[in-house]
Amino acid sequence: GNDVKAKEIVETFIRKSLPENEISSIESILPIYDIRAIQTSCLDNLTDIDLCILKLLGVQLFNEIKDEYKLNAIFAPKLLRTQKFLQSLSFTPLRYALKPDFVENLLKNVRRSKIRSTYHSLEELREHFDKELIEQYSIKEISDDMKRKTELGTKIFERAHLSNVNIFQDINGGTDTISAILESHRIKKVNILNSKFSKD
């Protein structure tokens, strides 16, 4: 049901957006993106059809962080200190840090039925969607330099030659959350210390 409906919506969008001679086959145009993302503090109200449309366009959303998802993006309203956001900085690479408006605008664009060949060529369509929209909705505090560092293949603590960390039991955020964040950035051992130090 939803898959078929989503496919119809995306195909209609492409047929209306491009001159006929630019469409050899819909399959050759899709996906436009290669975004595998986790979201934090946003995009909670997407419908199943929205998710199907996004997947056809090459935007996949996951609820948790797992190595096998090969995540390369985060959606968040701004720079946050949530567990997911801090862990996303360990993705190799973190290619996209985008505001949720990107997804909302994309869905609105695809669903708009009034367009008639808005783009002259496939290149122009790709340029708009894959470059302009991404630039427009990037989270500015995550600089290109920060993103480039995630492409180095090593994590921040590996580069600093740190493998063990001590944290106090009553650390803000809780030991499980902080340990998970540190481990995603390649800390091998997190020791949890009792907050009550005694002199002996």
Protein backbone atom coordinates (compact mmCIF):
# COMPACT_ATOMS: atom_id res chain seq x y z
CA GLY A 1 0.00 0.00 0.00
CA ASN A 2 2.29 2.76 1.26
CA ASP A 3 5.18 1.70 -0.98
CA VAL A 4 3.04 1.88 -4.11
CA LYS A 5 1.51 5.22 -3.13
CA ALA A 6 4.93 6.71 -2.30
CA LYS A 7 6.33 5.51 -5.63
CA GLU A 8 3.42 7.18 -7.48
CA ILE A 9 4.03 10.48 -5.66
CA VAL A 10 7.78 10.45 -6.41
CA GLU A 11 7.29 9.44 -10.06
CA THR A 12 4.69 12.19 -10.56
CA PHE A 13 7.07 14.72 -9.00
CA ILE A 14 9.93 13.71 -11.33
CA ARG A 15 7.71 13.68 -14.44
CA LYS A 16 6.41 17.16 -13.60
CA SER A 17 9.82 18.56 -12.68
CA LEU A 18 11.80 17.56 -15.75
CA PRO A 19 11.29 17.86 -19.50
CA GLU A 20 10.34 14.47 -20.97
CA ASN A 21 13.57 14.05 -22.93
CA GLU A 22 15.52 14.22 -19.64
CA ILE A 23 13.78 11.17 -18.19
CA SER A 24 15.13 7.91 -19.58
CA SER A 25 13.74 6.01 -16.62
CA ILE A 26 12.70 7.00 -13.12
CA GLU A 27 14.98 4.29 -11.71
CA SER A 28 18.03 5.91 -13.31
CA ILE A 29 17.24 9.19 -11.54
CA LEU A 30 16.66 7.75 -8.08
CA PRO A 31 17.93 7.87 -5.45
CA ILE A 32 18.93 11.54 -5.46
CA TYR A 33 20.56 11.29 -2.02
CA ASP A 34 22.67 8.89 -0.01
CA ILE A 35 21.64 9.99 3.48
CA ARG A 36 21.45 7.46 6.32
CA ALA A 37 20.46 9.45 9.38
CA ILE A 38 19.56 9.42 13.01
CA GLN A 39 17.31 12.21 14.26
CA THR A 40 17.23 13.88 17.65
CA SER A 41 14.55 16.23 19.05
CA CYS A 42 12.75 16.46 15.70
CA LEU A 43 10.85 14.69 12.89
CA ASP A 44 8.68 12.67 15.25
CA ASN A 45 5.49 13.10 13.23
CA LEU A 46 6.49 11.61 9.89
CA THR A 47 3.93 9.20 8.45
CA ASP A 48 4.76 5.80 6.96
CA ILE A 49 4.20 7.26 3.49
CA ASP A 50 6.60 10.14 4.28
CA LEU A 51 9.24 7.57 5.27
CA CYS A 52 8.64 5.59 2.05
CA ILE A 53 8.96 8.76 -0.07
CA LEU A 54 12.18 9.71 1.71
CA LYS A 55 13.61 6.22 1.26
CA LEU A 56 12.90 6.33 -2.51
CA LEU A 57 14.72 9.69 -2.65
CA GLY A 58 17.66 8.18 -0.75
CA VAL A 59 16.99 9.54 2.75
CA GLN A 60 16.75 6.77 5.34
CA LEU A 61 15.93 7.47 8.98
CA PHE A 62 16.93 5.12 11.79
CA ASN A 63 15.81 5.08 15.42
CA GLU A 64 19.09 3.86 16.87
CA ILE A 65 22.79 3.95 16.16
CA LYS A 66 24.21 0.66 14.91
CA ASP A 67 27.41 0.07 12.95
CA GLU A 68 25.61 -1.96 10.27
CA TYR A 69 23.45 1.06 9.34
CA LYS A 70 26.60 2.93 8.23
CA LEU A 71 25.04 6.21 9.37
CA ASN A 72 26.40 9.39 7.79
CA ALA A 73 23.94 12.08 8.91
CA ILE A 74 22.11 13.69 11.82
CA PHE A 75 18.88 15.67 11.75
CA ALA A 76 18.50 18.12 14.63
CA PRO A 77 16.95 21.58 15.09
CA LYS A 78 20.38 22.98 16.11
CA LEU A 79 23.63 21.96 17.76
CA LEU A 80 22.51 19.86 20.74
CA ARG A 81 24.08 18.00 23.63
CA THR A 82 21.85 14.94 23.33
CA GLN A 83 23.37 11.47 23.31
CA LYS A 84 22.45 10.91 19.65
CA PHE A 85 23.91 14.24 18.55
CA LEU A 86 27.20 13.70 20.38
CA GLN A 87 27.44 10.15 19.05
CA SER A 88 26.76 11.35 15.50
CA LEU A 89 30.07 13.23 15.65
CA SER A 90 31.71 9.79 15.71
CA PHE A 91 30.15 8.63 12.39
CA THR A 92 32.84 7.82 9.84
CA PRO A 93 32.13 10.01 8.06
CA LEU A 94 29.48 12.42 9.32
CA ARG A 95 28.61 13.84 5.92
CA TYR A 96 25.45 15.76 6.75
CA ALA A 97 24.29 17.69 9.82
CA LEU A 98 20.92 19.04 8.77
CA LYS A 99 17.94 20.84 10.24
CA PRO A 100 14.58 19.04 10.06
CA ASP A 101 13.27 21.75 7.70
CA PHE A 102 15.32 19.97 5.02
CA VAL A 103 13.03 16.93 5.24
CA GLU A 104 9.88 19.01 5.59
CA ASN A 105 10.80 21.15 2.57
CA LEU A 106 11.75 18.07 0.53
CA LEU A 107 8.41 16.35 1.25
CA LYS A 108 6.49 19.55 0.49
CA ASN A 109 8.37 19.91 -2.82
CA VAL A 110 7.71 16.33 -3.85
CA ARG A 111 4.03 16.52 -2.92
CA ARG A 112 3.37 19.82 -4.65
CA SER A 113 1.26 18.95 -7.65
CA LYS A 114 1.36 22.27 -9.46
CA ILE A 115 4.95 22.17 -10.73
CA ARG A 116 5.49 21.90 -14.44
CA SER A 117 9.06 21.26 -15.59
CA THR A 118 10.81 23.39 -13.03
CA TYR A 119 14.29 22.16 -13.98
CA HIS A 120 15.74 22.12 -17.47
CA SER A 121 17.93 19.12 -16.87
CA LEU A 122 18.66 16.31 -14.46
CA GLU A 123 21.90 18.11 -13.51
CA GLU A 124 19.92 21.19 -12.55
CA LEU A 125 17.51 19.13 -10.42
CA ARG A 126 20.41 17.36 -8.69
CA GLU A 127 22.25 20.67 -8.18
CA HIS A 128 19.17 22.11 -6.47
CA PHE A 129 18.36 19.12 -4.29
CA ASP A 130 21.78 17.73 -3.56
CA LYS A 131 23.68 20.98 -3.18
CA GLU A 132 21.53 24.05 -2.61
CA LEU A 133 19.04 22.44 -0.23
CA ILE A 134 21.82 20.76 1.75
CA GLU A 135 23.71 24.05 2.10
CA GLN A 136 20.54 25.91 3.01
CA TYR A 137 19.61 23.55 5.85
CA SER A 138 23.05 22.65 7.24
CA ILE A 139 23.58 23.14 10.97
CA LYS A 140 26.11 25.96 10.77
CA GLU A 141 27.91 25.12 14.04
CA ILE A 142 29.05 21.82 12.53
CA SER A 143 31.73 23.21 10.26
CA ASP A 144 33.06 21.58 7.10
CA ASP A 145 36.32 21.14 8.96
CA MET A 146 34.58 19.15 11.71
CA LYS A 147 32.91 16.99 9.07
CA ARG A 148 36.24 16.48 7.27
CA LYS A 149 37.81 15.20 10.50
CA THR A 150 35.20 12.43 10.61
CA GLU A 151 36.62 11.18 7.30
CA LEU A 152 40.05 10.48 8.77
CA GLY A 153 39.12 6.92 9.68
CA THR A 154 40.26 7.38 13.27
CA LYS A 155 38.21 8.74 16.13
CA ILE A 156 39.10 11.75 18.22
CA PHE A 157 40.35 9.80 21.27
CA GLU A 158 42.41 7.46 19.08
CA ARG A 159 44.13 10.48 17.56
CA ALA A 160 44.83 11.78 21.07
CA HIS A 161 46.06 8.30 22.15
CA LEU A 162 43.49 8.10 24.93
CA SER A 163 41.91 4.75 25.63
CA ASN A 164 40.86 4.82 29.32
CA VAL A 165 38.75 7.43 31.10
CA ASN A 166 37.55 7.86 34.67
CA ILE A 167 34.14 9.37 35.30
CA PHE A 168 32.29 9.99 38.55
CA GLN A 169 29.18 8.03 39.41
CA ASP A 170 27.05 11.16 39.77
CA ILE A 171 28.11 12.70 36.41
CA ASN A 172 25.40 14.80 34.71
CA GLY A 173 23.59 12.71 32.09
CA GLY A 174 24.27 9.43 33.89
CA THR A 175 27.12 6.96 33.54
CA ASP A 176 25.42 4.80 30.85
CA THR A 177 24.82 7.72 28.49
CA ILE A 178 28.27 9.25 29.01
CA SER A 179 29.97 5.85 28.63
CA ALA A 180 28.08 5.20 25.36
CA ILE A 181 29.15 8.60 23.97
CA LEU A 182 32.80 8.08 24.99
CA GLU A 183 32.86 4.54 23.59
CA SER A 184 31.43 5.67 20.26
CA HIS A 185 34.46 7.98 20.01
CA ARG A 186 36.75 4.98 20.72
CA ILE A 187 37.38 5.10 24.44
CA LYS A 188 38.04 1.45 25.25
CA LYS A 189 37.55 1.45 29.02
CA VAL A 190 35.38 3.73 31.14
CA ASN A 191 36.02 3.43 34.89
CA ILE A 192 33.20 4.66 37.07
CA LEU A 193 34.45 6.17 40.31
CA ASN A 194 32.51 6.54 43.52
CA SER A 195 31.86 10.22 44.12
CA LYS A 196 32.62 9.94 47.84
CA PHE A 197 36.41 10.13 48.06
CA SER A 198 37.96 9.06 51.34
CA LYS A 199 41.44 10.10 52.45
CA ASP A 200 42.75 6.56 52.84
